[in-house]
Amino acid sequence: MAVEFAVTWDYRCPFARNAHEHILTGLAAGADWDVRFLPYSLGQGHVEEGQPSVWDRPDLDRGILALRVGVVVRDEYPELFPAVHRALFEARHDEGLHLEERAVIEKVLAVRGVPAAEVLARVDTGEPLEIVRAEHEQFVGSHKVWGVPTFIAGQQAVFVRLMNRARSGADSGVSVRSVERIFDLLTGWVDLNEFKHTSVSR
């Protein structure tokens, strides 16, 4: 039986990149996982009381364009989502590109065979923003989600920082073991609330 879990993302977070690379690598290798990819706006998560929300002023947030694009590709071009998802993380963290710029998004989509003009036209309808908002607010409300990447299974949710990446071509066995260890702790040892190294040996 497939392992079912959800995981949040915002392309600005390097730890979200690490976790999602492992998930994508495991899925590509045939891991029996049923994964729901959930947008979470770090911009909205950090809005101070009394300030405009990202939902009301998306033009002021540097991450919301890419998040909306990711949702459109996830929902309307699911077979291309893994490649685009990985590529948007790489554009932000490996190439240092600005995902708030449409030209950057267009290039990432075009190289992966996604019709960029159609995706951005969908973004401009406003519907993808409403999807991002609904999913963000749903899991903030139901599971107290406050960041990325958060893994969710049933009533349990945990924020995770994996230190190593899984670049294209990486050993899928490492990725599968990493993700399944997280799932096992998330669902099988709910008494563990926090386990954090005091320093990073690298």
Protein backbone atom coordinates (compact mmCIF):
# COMPACT_ATOMS: atom_id res chain seq x y z
CA MET A 1 0.00 0.00 0.00
CA ALA A 2 1.32 3.41 -0.96
CA VAL A 3 2.73 5.69 1.70
CA GLU A 4 0.57 8.83 1.73
CA PHE A 5 1.81 12.20 2.87
CA ALA A 6 1.78 15.87 1.95
CA VAL A 7 4.65 18.32 1.96
CA THR A 8 4.73 22.11 1.77
CA TRP A 9 6.95 24.21 -0.42
CA ASP A 10 8.03 27.74 -1.21
CA TYR A 11 10.81 28.05 -3.78
CA ARG A 12 12.71 30.54 -1.65
CA CYS A 13 13.69 28.04 1.03
CA PRO A 14 16.88 25.96 0.51
CA PHE A 15 15.64 23.32 2.95
CA ALA A 16 12.44 22.96 0.94
CA ARG A 17 14.67 22.45 -2.09
CA ASN A 18 16.60 19.69 -0.31
CA ALA A 19 13.49 17.84 0.83
CA HIS A 20 11.69 18.15 -2.49
CA GLU A 21 14.75 16.96 -4.42
CA HIS A 22 14.76 13.82 -2.30
CA ILE A 23 11.03 13.31 -2.85
CA LEU A 24 11.31 13.86 -6.61
CA THR A 25 14.29 11.52 -6.80
CA GLY A 26 12.45 8.81 -4.89
CA LEU A 27 9.32 9.15 -7.01
CA ALA A 28 11.34 9.00 -10.23
CA ALA A 29 12.89 5.75 -8.99
CA GLY A 30 9.46 4.22 -8.40
CA ALA A 31 8.98 4.79 -4.67
CA ASP A 32 5.45 3.78 -3.66
CA TRP A 33 4.48 7.19 -2.34
CA ASP A 34 1.29 9.16 -2.84
CA VAL A 35 2.52 12.72 -2.37
CA ARG A 36 0.44 15.87 -2.23
CA PHE A 37 2.53 18.95 -2.94
CA LEU A 38 1.19 21.91 -0.95
CA PRO A 39 2.02 25.57 -1.57
CA TYR A 40 2.86 27.62 1.50
CA SER A 41 3.66 31.31 1.16
CA LEU A 42 6.61 32.30 3.33
CA GLY A 43 5.74 35.90 2.52
CA GLN A 44 2.28 35.51 4.00
CA GLY A 45 3.70 33.60 6.94
CA HIS A 46 5.81 36.63 7.83
CA VAL A 47 3.26 39.39 7.32
CA GLU A 48 3.17 41.57 10.42
CA GLU A 49 -0.12 42.36 12.09
CA GLY A 50 -1.84 45.31 10.45
CA GLN A 51 0.11 44.99 7.20
CA PRO A 52 -1.46 44.05 3.83
CA SER A 53 -1.66 40.33 3.19
CA VAL A 54 0.12 38.71 0.27
CA TRP A 55 -3.31 37.72 -1.00
CA ASP A 56 -4.29 41.39 -1.26
CA ARG A 57 -0.95 42.63 -2.64
CA PRO A 58 0.75 39.74 -4.47
CA ASP A 59 2.80 42.24 -6.48
CA LEU A 60 4.77 43.08 -3.31
CA ASP A 61 5.88 39.50 -2.60
CA ARG A 62 8.90 38.02 -4.37
CA GLY A 63 7.85 34.39 -4.05
CA ILE A 64 4.17 34.32 -4.92
CA LEU A 65 4.52 34.36 -8.73
CA ALA A 66 6.60 31.17 -8.76
CA LEU A 67 4.28 29.55 -6.22
CA ARG A 68 1.26 30.28 -8.44
CA VAL A 69 3.10 28.96 -11.48
CA GLY A 70 4.02 25.80 -9.58
CA VAL A 71 0.37 25.23 -8.70
CA VAL A 72 -0.77 25.69 -12.31
CA VAL A 73 1.80 23.20 -13.55
CA ARG A 74 0.98 20.78 -10.71
CA ASP A 75 -2.73 20.85 -11.53
CA GLU A 76 -2.78 21.26 -15.31
CA TYR A 77 0.49 19.68 -16.49
CA PRO A 78 1.09 17.03 -13.80
CA GLU A 79 3.40 14.93 -15.97
CA LEU A 80 5.74 17.92 -16.31
CA PHE A 81 5.49 19.09 -12.71
CA PRO A 82 8.47 17.11 -11.34
CA ALA A 83 10.88 18.61 -13.88
CA VAL A 84 9.51 22.14 -13.49
CA HIS A 85 9.42 21.88 -9.70
CA ARG A 86 13.06 20.84 -9.55
CA ALA A 87 14.05 23.45 -12.12
CA LEU A 88 12.43 26.34 -10.26
CA PHE A 89 14.33 25.41 -7.10
CA GLU A 90 17.55 25.18 -9.12
CA ALA A 91 16.92 28.54 -10.80
CA ARG A 92 16.53 30.20 -7.41
CA HIS A 93 19.29 28.47 -5.44
CA ASP A 94 21.86 27.24 -7.98
CA GLU A 95 21.65 30.06 -10.49
CA GLY A 96 20.64 32.87 -8.15
CA LEU A 97 17.82 33.96 -10.46
CA HIS A 98 14.87 36.06 -9.41
CA LEU A 99 11.66 34.07 -9.61
CA GLU A 100 9.57 37.22 -9.34
CA GLU A 101 10.68 38.03 -12.90
CA ARG A 102 8.41 36.66 -15.58
CA ALA A 103 11.24 36.26 -18.08
CA VAL A 104 12.97 33.86 -15.70
CA ILE A 105 9.79 31.85 -15.21
CA GLU A 106 9.12 31.78 -18.95
CA LYS A 107 12.56 30.35 -19.67
CA VAL A 108 12.28 27.65 -17.02
CA LEU A 109 8.89 26.58 -18.36
CA ALA A 110 9.86 26.68 -22.02
CA VAL A 111 12.98 24.55 -21.51
CA ARG A 112 10.82 21.88 -19.83
CA GLY A 113 8.22 21.87 -22.59
CA VAL A 114 5.53 23.80 -20.75
CA PRO A 115 3.60 26.50 -22.66
CA ALA A 116 4.74 29.50 -20.65
CA ALA A 117 2.28 31.95 -22.14
CA GLU A 118 -0.65 29.72 -21.24
CA VAL A 119 0.57 29.18 -17.69
CA LEU A 120 1.11 32.88 -17.07
CA ALA A 121 -2.27 33.66 -18.60
CA ARG A 122 -3.79 31.28 -16.04
CA VAL A 123 -1.86 33.04 -13.29
CA ASP A 124 -3.27 36.35 -14.45
CA THR A 125 -6.86 35.13 -14.02
CA GLY A 126 -6.34 35.22 -10.26
CA GLU A 127 -7.56 31.65 -9.79
CA PRO A 128 -4.12 30.18 -8.95
CA LEU A 129 -3.69 32.79 -6.21
CA GLU A 130 -6.97 31.65 -4.69
CA ILE A 131 -5.78 28.03 -4.82
CA VAL A 132 -2.51 28.94 -3.10
CA ARG A 133 -4.40 30.91 -0.47
CA ALA A 134 -6.94 28.14 0.15
CA GLU A 135 -4.32 25.41 0.56
CA HIS A 136 -2.02 27.62 2.63
CA GLU A 137 -4.84 28.61 4.98
CA GLN A 138 -6.31 25.09 5.14
CA PHE A 139 -3.19 23.56 6.63
CA VAL A 140 -2.30 26.55 8.77
CA GLY A 141 -5.74 26.03 10.29
CA SER A 142 -5.81 22.24 10.49
CA HIS A 143 -2.15 21.45 11.31
CA LYS A 144 -0.67 24.77 12.53
CA VAL A 145 1.77 24.77 9.61
CA TRP A 146 4.21 27.67 9.85
CA GLY A 147 6.98 26.88 7.39
CA VAL A 148 8.55 24.77 4.68
CA PRO A 149 9.13 21.97 4.28
CA THR A 150 6.42 20.58 6.53
CA PHE A 151 5.55 16.90 6.12
CA ILE A 152 1.93 16.02 6.89
CA ALA A 153 0.33 12.59 7.39
CA GLY A 154 -3.07 12.17 8.99
CA GLN A 155 -3.23 14.46 12.01
CA GLN A 156 0.54 14.73 12.33
CA ALA A 157 2.73 17.47 10.86
CA VAL A 158 6.44 18.10 11.28
CA PHE A 159 8.87 20.72 10.00
CA VAL A 160 12.03 19.05 8.67
CA ARG A 161 15.48 20.25 7.67
CA LEU A 162 17.49 17.82 5.57
CA MET A 163 21.06 19.00 5.15
CA ASN A 164 21.93 17.10 1.97
CA ARG A 165 20.55 17.55 -1.53
CA ALA A 166 19.55 15.01 -4.16
CA ARG A 167 20.64 16.53 -7.44
CA SER A 168 19.56 14.97 -10.72
CA GLY A 169 21.22 11.57 -11.00
CA ALA A 170 21.74 11.18 -7.26
CA ASP A 171 21.52 7.80 -5.55
CA SER A 172 17.78 7.20 -5.25
CA GLY A 173 18.31 4.76 -2.39
CA VAL A 174 19.55 7.59 -0.18
CA SER A 175 16.49 9.66 -1.03
CA VAL A 176 14.04 6.83 -0.43
CA ARG A 177 15.58 6.02 2.95
CA SER A 178 15.62 9.68 3.97
CA VAL A 179 11.99 10.31 3.15
CA GLU A 180 10.79 7.04 4.64
CA ARG A 181 12.70 7.72 7.86
CA ILE A 182 10.87 11.03 8.12
CA PHE A 183 7.54 9.31 7.50
CA ASP A 184 8.30 6.62 10.08
CA LEU A 185 9.12 9.23 12.72
CA LEU A 186 6.14 11.36 11.75
CA THR A 187 3.61 8.56 12.07
CA GLY A 188 5.31 5.99 14.30
CA TRP A 189 6.96 8.01 17.06
CA VAL A 190 4.71 10.95 17.78
CA ASP A 191 6.30 11.42 21.22
CA LEU A 192 9.40 12.86 19.52
CA ASN A 193 8.75 16.58 19.33
CA GLU A 194 12.17 18.09 18.69
CA PHE A 195 15.55 16.63 17.76
CA LYS A 196 18.10 19.19 16.59
CA HIS A 197 21.87 19.09 16.38
CA THR A 198 23.58 21.89 18.27
CA SER A 199 26.07 22.36 15.45
CA VAL A 200 26.55 21.28 11.85
CA SER A 201 29.76 19.40 11.12
CA ARG A 202 30.56 20.79 7.68
